[in-house]
C-alpha atoms as a PDB file:
ATOM      1  CA  MET A   1       0.000   0.000   0.000  1.00  0.00           C
ATOM      2  CA  ARG A   2       2.942   2.181   0.322  1.00  0.00           C
ATOM      3  CA  TYR A   3       3.514   2.370  -3.422  1.00  0.00           C
ATOM      4  CA  PRO A   4       0.153   3.925  -4.414  1.00  0.00           C
ATOM      5  CA  PHE A   5       0.724   6.795  -1.991  1.00  0.00           C
ATOM      6  CA  MET A   6       4.202   7.230  -3.430  1.00  0.00           C
ATOM      7  CA  ALA A   7       2.807   7.372  -6.977  1.00  0.00           C
ATOM      8  CA  ILE A   8       0.232   9.974  -5.961  1.00  0.00           C
ATOM      9  CA  GLY A   9       2.932  12.003  -4.250  1.00  0.00           C
ATOM     10  CA  LEU A  10       5.104  11.942  -7.368  1.00  0.00           C
ATOM     11  CA  LEU A  11       2.189  13.056  -9.531  1.00  0.00           C
ATOM     12  CA  LEU A  12       1.387  15.954  -7.226  1.00  0.00           C
ATOM     13  CA  ALA A  13       5.030  16.986  -7.152  1.00  0.00           C
ATOM     14  CA  SER A  14       5.277  16.916 -10.954  1.00  0.00           C
ATOM     15  CA  TYR A  15       2.148  19.097 -11.277  1.00  0.00           C
ATOM     16  CA  ALA A  16       3.547  21.576  -8.787  1.00  0.00           C
ATOM     17  CA  MET A  17       6.839  21.782 -10.660  1.00  0.00           C
ATOM     18  CA  ALA A  18       5.044  22.218 -13.979  1.00  0.00           C
ATOM     19  CA  ASP A  19       3.053  25.170 -12.622  1.00  0.00           C
ATOM     20  CA  ASP A  20       6.258  26.888 -11.520  1.00  0.00           C
ATOM     21  CA  HIS A  21       7.852  26.602 -14.978  1.00  0.00           C
ATOM     22  CA  THR A  22       4.996  27.761 -17.255  1.00  0.00           C
ATOM     23  CA  PRO A  23       6.143  30.588 -19.500  1.00  0.00           C
ATOM     24  CA  ALA A  24       4.335  33.899 -19.286  1.00  0.00           C
ATOM     25  CA  VAL A  25       1.696  34.205 -21.978  1.00  0.00           C
ATOM     26  CA  ASP A  26       0.915  37.518 -23.606  1.00  0.00           C
ATOM     27  CA  ALA A  27      -2.857  38.080 -23.359  1.00  0.00           C
ATOM     28  CA  GLU A  28      -2.940  39.854 -26.744  1.00  0.00           C
ATOM     29  CA  ALA A  29      -1.156  36.951 -28.431  1.00  0.00           C
ATOM     30  CA  THR A  30      -3.850  34.524 -27.291  1.00  0.00           C
ATOM     31  CA  GLN A  31      -6.648  36.612 -28.776  1.00  0.00           C
ATOM     32  CA  PRO A  32      -7.776  35.489 -32.224  1.00  0.00           C
ATOM     33  CA  PRO A  33      -7.004  38.009 -34.956  1.00  0.00           C
ATOM     34  CA  ALA A  34      -9.778  40.459 -35.645  1.00  0.00           C
ATOM     35  CA  ILE A  35     -11.778  39.524 -38.708  1.00  0.00           C
ATOM     36  CA  GLU A  36     -12.796  42.459 -40.802  1.00  0.00           C
ATOM     37  CA  PRO A  37     -15.877  42.106 -42.989  1.00  0.00           C
ATOM     38  CA  ALA A  38     -15.206  41.915 -46.687  1.00  0.00           C
ATOM     39  CA  VAL A  39     -17.257  44.837 -47.930  1.00  0.00           C
ATOM     40  CA  SER A  40     -16.850  46.049 -51.466  1.00  0.00           C
ATOM     41  CA  VAL A  41     -16.442  49.787 -51.684  1.00  0.00           C
ATOM     42  CA  ALA A  42     -16.886  49.780 -55.450  1.00  0.00           C
ATOM     43  CA  PRO A  43     -20.177  51.355 -56.515  1.00  0.00           C
ATOM     44  CA  VAL A  44     -22.823  48.974 -57.741  1.00  0.00           C
ATOM     45  CA  ALA A  45     -23.469  49.429 -61.433  1.00  0.00           C
ATOM     46  CA  THR A  46     -27.032  50.392 -62.205  1.00  0.00           C
ATOM     47  CA  ARG A  47     -28.799  48.865 -65.158  1.00  0.00           C
ATOM     48  CA  TYR A  48     -30.939  51.158 -67.292  1.00  0.00           C
ATOM     49  CA  GLN A  49     -33.694  50.782 -69.829  1.00  0.00           C
ATOM     50  CA  ALA A  50     -34.926  53.528 -72.092  1.00  0.00           C
ATOM     51  CA  TYR A  51     -38.467  54.703 -71.413  1.00  0.00           C
ATOM     52  CA  ILE A  52     -40.439  55.850 -74.450  1.00  0.00           C
ATOM     53  CA  GLN A  53     -43.381  58.177 -73.841  1.00  0.00           C
ATOM     54  CA  ARG A  54     -44.087  60.184 -76.993  1.00  0.00           C
ATOM     55  CA  HIS A  55     -43.324  57.403 -79.525  1.00  0.00           C
ATOM     56  CA  ASN A  56     -41.822  59.763 -82.115  1.00  0.00           C
ATOM     57  CA  ALA A  57     -38.528  60.113 -83.991  1.00  0.00           C
ATOM     58  CA  GLU A  58     -37.213  63.041 -81.931  1.00  0.00           C
ATOM     59  CA  GLU A  59     -37.730  61.259 -78.631  1.00  0.00           C
ATOM     60  CA  LEU A  60     -36.201  58.055 -79.949  1.00  0.00           C
ATOM     61  CA  PHE A  61     -33.156  59.880 -81.333  1.00  0.00           C
ATOM     62  CA  ASP A  62     -32.677  61.665 -77.977  1.00  0.00           C
ATOM     63  CA  LEU A  63     -32.922  58.351 -76.104  1.00  0.00           C
ATOM     64  CA  LEU A  64     -30.344  56.736 -78.386  1.00  0.00           C
ATOM     65  CA  GLN A  65     -27.934  59.636 -77.879  1.00  0.00           C
ATOM     66  CA  HIS A  66     -28.508  59.471 -74.119  1.00  0.00           C
ATOM     67  CA  ALA A  67     -27.818  55.716 -74.128  1.00  0.00           C
ATOM     68  CA  GLU A  68     -24.582  56.356 -76.009  1.00  0.00           C
ATOM     69  CA  LYS A  69     -23.500  58.883 -73.362  1.00  0.00           C
ATOM     70  CA  ILE A  70     -24.330  56.467 -70.531  1.00  0.00           C
ATOM     71  CA  ALA A  71     -22.326  53.666 -72.111  1.00  0.00           C
ATOM     72  CA  SER A  72     -19.335  55.894 -72.823  1.00  0.00           C
ATOM     73  CA  GLY A  73     -19.249  57.215 -69.251  1.00  0.00           C
ATOM     74  CA  GLN A  74     -19.899  60.832 -70.266  1.00  0.00           C
ATOM     75  CA  LEU A  75     -22.666  61.076 -67.682  1.00  0.00           C
ATOM     76  CA  GLU A  76     -22.457  60.655 -63.920  1.00  0.00           C
ATOM     77  CA  TYR A  77     -23.603  57.055 -64.269  1.00  0.00           C
ATOM     78  CA  SER A  78     -22.568  54.304 -66.631  1.00  0.00           C
ATOM     79  CA  THR A  79     -23.331  50.699 -67.434  1.00  0.00           C
ATOM     80  CA  LYS A  80     -21.455  47.711 -68.803  1.00  0.00           C
ATOM     81  CA  GLU A  81     -24.588  45.991 -70.107  1.00  0.00           C
ATOM     82  CA  PRO A  82     -26.589  46.926 -73.193  1.00  0.00           C
ATOM     83  CA  ILE A  83     -29.484  49.259 -72.480  1.00  0.00           C
ATOM     84  CA  PRO A  84     -32.804  47.653 -73.438  1.00  0.00           C
ATOM     85  CA  LEU A  85     -35.003  49.775 -75.667  1.00  0.00           C
ATOM     86  CA  VAL A  86     -38.465  48.222 -75.945  1.00  0.00           C
ATOM     87  CA  LEU A  87     -40.534  49.692 -78.776  1.00  0.00           C
ATOM     88  CA  THR A  88     -44.280  49.377 -78.251  1.00  0.00           C
ATOM     89  CA  GLY A  89     -45.910  51.935 -80.529  1.00  0.00           C
ATOM     90  CA  GLU A  90     -45.739  54.126 -83.601  1.00  0.00           C
ATOM     91  CA  GLU A  91     -41.960  54.491 -83.301  1.00  0.00           C
ATOM     92  CA  ILE A  92     -41.640  50.967 -84.742  1.00  0.00           C
ATOM     93  CA  GLU A  93     -42.779  52.379 -88.110  1.00  0.00           C
ATOM     94  CA  LEU A  94     -39.582  54.458 -88.205  1.00  0.00           C
ATOM     95  CA  PHE A  95     -37.521  51.276 -88.593  1.00  0.00           C
ATOM     96  CA  LYS A  96     -39.466  49.756 -91.479  1.00  0.00           C
ATOM     97  CA  ARG A  97     -37.303  49.215 -94.559  1.00  0.00           C
ATOM     98  CA  GLU A  98     -39.627  51.340 -96.676  1.00  0.00           C
ATOM     99  CA  ASN A  99     -39.037  54.286 -94.291  1.00  0.00           C
ATOM    100  CA  TYR A 100     -35.246  53.959 -94.126  1.00  0.00           C
ATOM    101  CA  ARG A 101     -34.494  56.886 -96.438  1.00  0.00           C
ATOM    102  CA  ASP A 102     -36.582  59.280 -94.293  1.00  0.00           C
ATOM    103  CA  ASN A 103     -35.113  57.989 -91.005  1.00  0.00           C
ATOM    104  CA  LYS A 104     -31.558  57.123 -92.049  1.00  0.00           C
ATOM    105  CA  PRO A 105     -29.741  59.040 -89.238  1.00  0.00           C
ATOM    106  CA  LEU A 106     -31.945  57.424 -86.588  1.00  0.00           C
ATOM    107  CA  VAL A 107     -31.706  53.881 -87.982  1.00  0.00           C
ATOM    108  CA  ASP A 108     -27.954  54.178 -88.566  1.00  0.00           C
ATOM    109  CA  LEU A 109     -27.365  55.400 -85.003  1.00  0.00           C
ATOM    110  CA  ALA A 110     -29.482  52.548 -83.633  1.00  0.00           C
ATOM    111  CA  ALA A 111     -27.599  50.017 -85.785  1.00  0.00           C
ATOM    112  CA  ARG A 112     -24.222  51.340 -84.623  1.00  0.00           C
ATOM    113  CA  LEU A 113     -25.215  51.305 -80.944  1.00  0.00           C
ATOM    114  CA  GLU A 114     -26.654  47.815 -81.322  1.00  0.00           C
ATOM    115  CA  ALA A 115     -23.490  46.605 -83.091  1.00  0.00           C
ATOM    116  CA  PHE A 116     -21.320  47.852 -80.226  1.00  0.00           C
ATOM    117  CA  ASN A 117     -23.658  46.221 -77.671  1.00  0.00           C
ATOM    118  CA  ILE A 118     -24.654  49.578 -76.196  1.00  0.00           C
ATOM    119  CA  ILE A 119     -28.382  49.049 -76.716  1.00  0.00           C
ATOM    120  CA  ASP A 120     -30.662  46.075 -77.273  1.00  0.00           C
ATOM    121  CA  ILE A 121     -33.746  47.002 -79.320  1.00  0.00           C
ATOM    122  CA  LYS A 122     -36.855  44.865 -78.979  1.00  0.00           C
ATOM    123  CA  VAL A 123     -40.265  45.385 -80.555  1.00  0.00           C
ATOM    124  CA  CYS A 124     -43.686  44.252 -79.403  1.00  0.00           C
ATOM    125  CA  SER A 125     -44.796  41.434 -81.714  1.00  0.00           C
ATOM    126  CA  ARG A 126     -48.453  42.017 -80.761  1.00  0.00           C
ATOM    127  CA  TRP A 127     -48.222  45.569 -82.036  1.00  0.00           C
ATOM    128  CA  LEU A 128     -46.569  44.308 -85.237  1.00  0.00           C
ATOM    129  CA  GLY A 129     -49.266  41.673 -85.747  1.00  0.00           C
ATOM    130  CA  ASP A 130     -52.099  44.158 -85.221  1.00  0.00           C
ATOM    131  CA  ARG A 131     -50.661  46.312 -88.033  1.00  0.00           C
ATOM    132  CA  GLY A 132     -49.617  43.526 -90.382  1.00  0.00           C
ATOM    133  CA  ILE A 133     -45.905  44.255 -90.044  1.00  0.00           C
ATOM    134  CA  GLU A 134     -43.484  41.332 -90.296  1.00  0.00           C
ATOM    135  CA  MET A 135     -40.118  41.116 -88.542  1.00  0.00           C
ATOM    136  CA  THR A 136     -38.570  40.874 -92.012  1.00  0.00           C
ATOM    137  CA  ASP A 137     -39.818  44.446 -92.629  1.00  0.00           C
ATOM    138  CA  LEU A 138     -37.443  45.629 -89.882  1.00  0.00           C
ATOM    139  CA  PRO A 139     -33.633  45.676 -89.744  1.00  0.00           C
ATOM    140  CA  PRO A 140     -32.078  42.386 -88.597  1.00  0.00           C
ATOM    141  CA  PHE A 141     -30.576  43.929 -85.446  1.00  0.00           C
ATOM    142  CA  ILE A 142     -34.068  44.323 -83.934  1.00  0.00           C
ATOM    143  CA  ASP A 143     -35.477  41.468 -81.835  1.00  0.00           C
ATOM    144  CA  SER A 144     -39.088  40.833 -80.876  1.00  0.00           C
ATOM    145  CA  VAL A 145     -40.880  40.134 -77.614  1.00  0.00           C
ATOM    146  CA  VAL A 146     -44.444  38.891 -77.267  1.00  0.00           C
ATOM    147  CA  SER A 147     -45.566  41.888 -75.218  1.00  0.00           C
ATOM    148  CA  GLY A 148     -43.629  45.115 -74.963  1.00  0.00           C
ATOM    149  CA  GLN A 149     -45.384  46.116 -71.744  1.00  0.00           C
ATOM    150  CA  PHE A 150     -44.598  42.778 -70.084  1.00  0.00           C
ATOM    151  CA  GLU A 151     -40.962  43.087 -71.177  1.00  0.00           C
ATOM    152  CA  VAL A 152     -40.674  46.572 -69.649  1.00  0.00           C
ATOM    153  CA  GLU A 153     -42.231  45.298 -66.405  1.00  0.00           C
ATOM    154  CA  ARG A 154     -39.959  42.225 -66.386  1.00  0.00           C
ATOM    155  CA  LEU A 155     -36.884  44.420 -66.755  1.00  0.00           C
ATOM    156  CA  GLN A 156     -38.070  46.674 -63.927  1.00  0.00           C
ATOM    157  CA  LYS A 157     -38.497  43.631 -61.672  1.00  0.00           C
ATOM    158  CA  GLU A 158     -34.926  42.626 -62.541  1.00  0.00           C
ATOM    159  CA  GLY A 159     -33.727  46.012 -61.314  1.00  0.00           C
ATOM    160  CA  TYR A 160     -33.526  48.055 -64.509  1.00  0.00           C
ATOM    161  CA  ALA A 161     -34.133  51.746 -63.868  1.00  0.00           C
ATOM    162  CA  LEU A 162     -35.967  53.847 -66.433  1.00  0.00           C
ATOM    163  CA  PHE A 163     -34.355  56.908 -67.980  1.00  0.00           C
END
């Protein structure tokens, strides 16, 4: 029975000696490093879509020029994505092949902006159908959507701001 007490005594002595020889620990060194949140300070790019109200050549030409300025960064805001331009009314007539000569500056500007992926022109196929206009009557850079109004609303729900 003498040996178990001796073993316990040795254990207690070794613990006591270990406590005396523990190195001093810096409290700051034991703290985990501060984790800083990864927050982007870059401004979020806004997406824009052109809003047509008067449905005439002057308004459309102004919107195309404005879209060009947005894309080139000349204005206080810019975008990297093409600006949707949904045509839903009489302005579609301006793009018909038979009207090209009268609207050449407008159609050429639209074609150039579309070619450089600055705008994305879409026309309402319901409006075309009601007036007997075929997509082949329009330049090939123009796409169609079933409903222009639904397309405008869909883009707004996706976060596109009107200008």
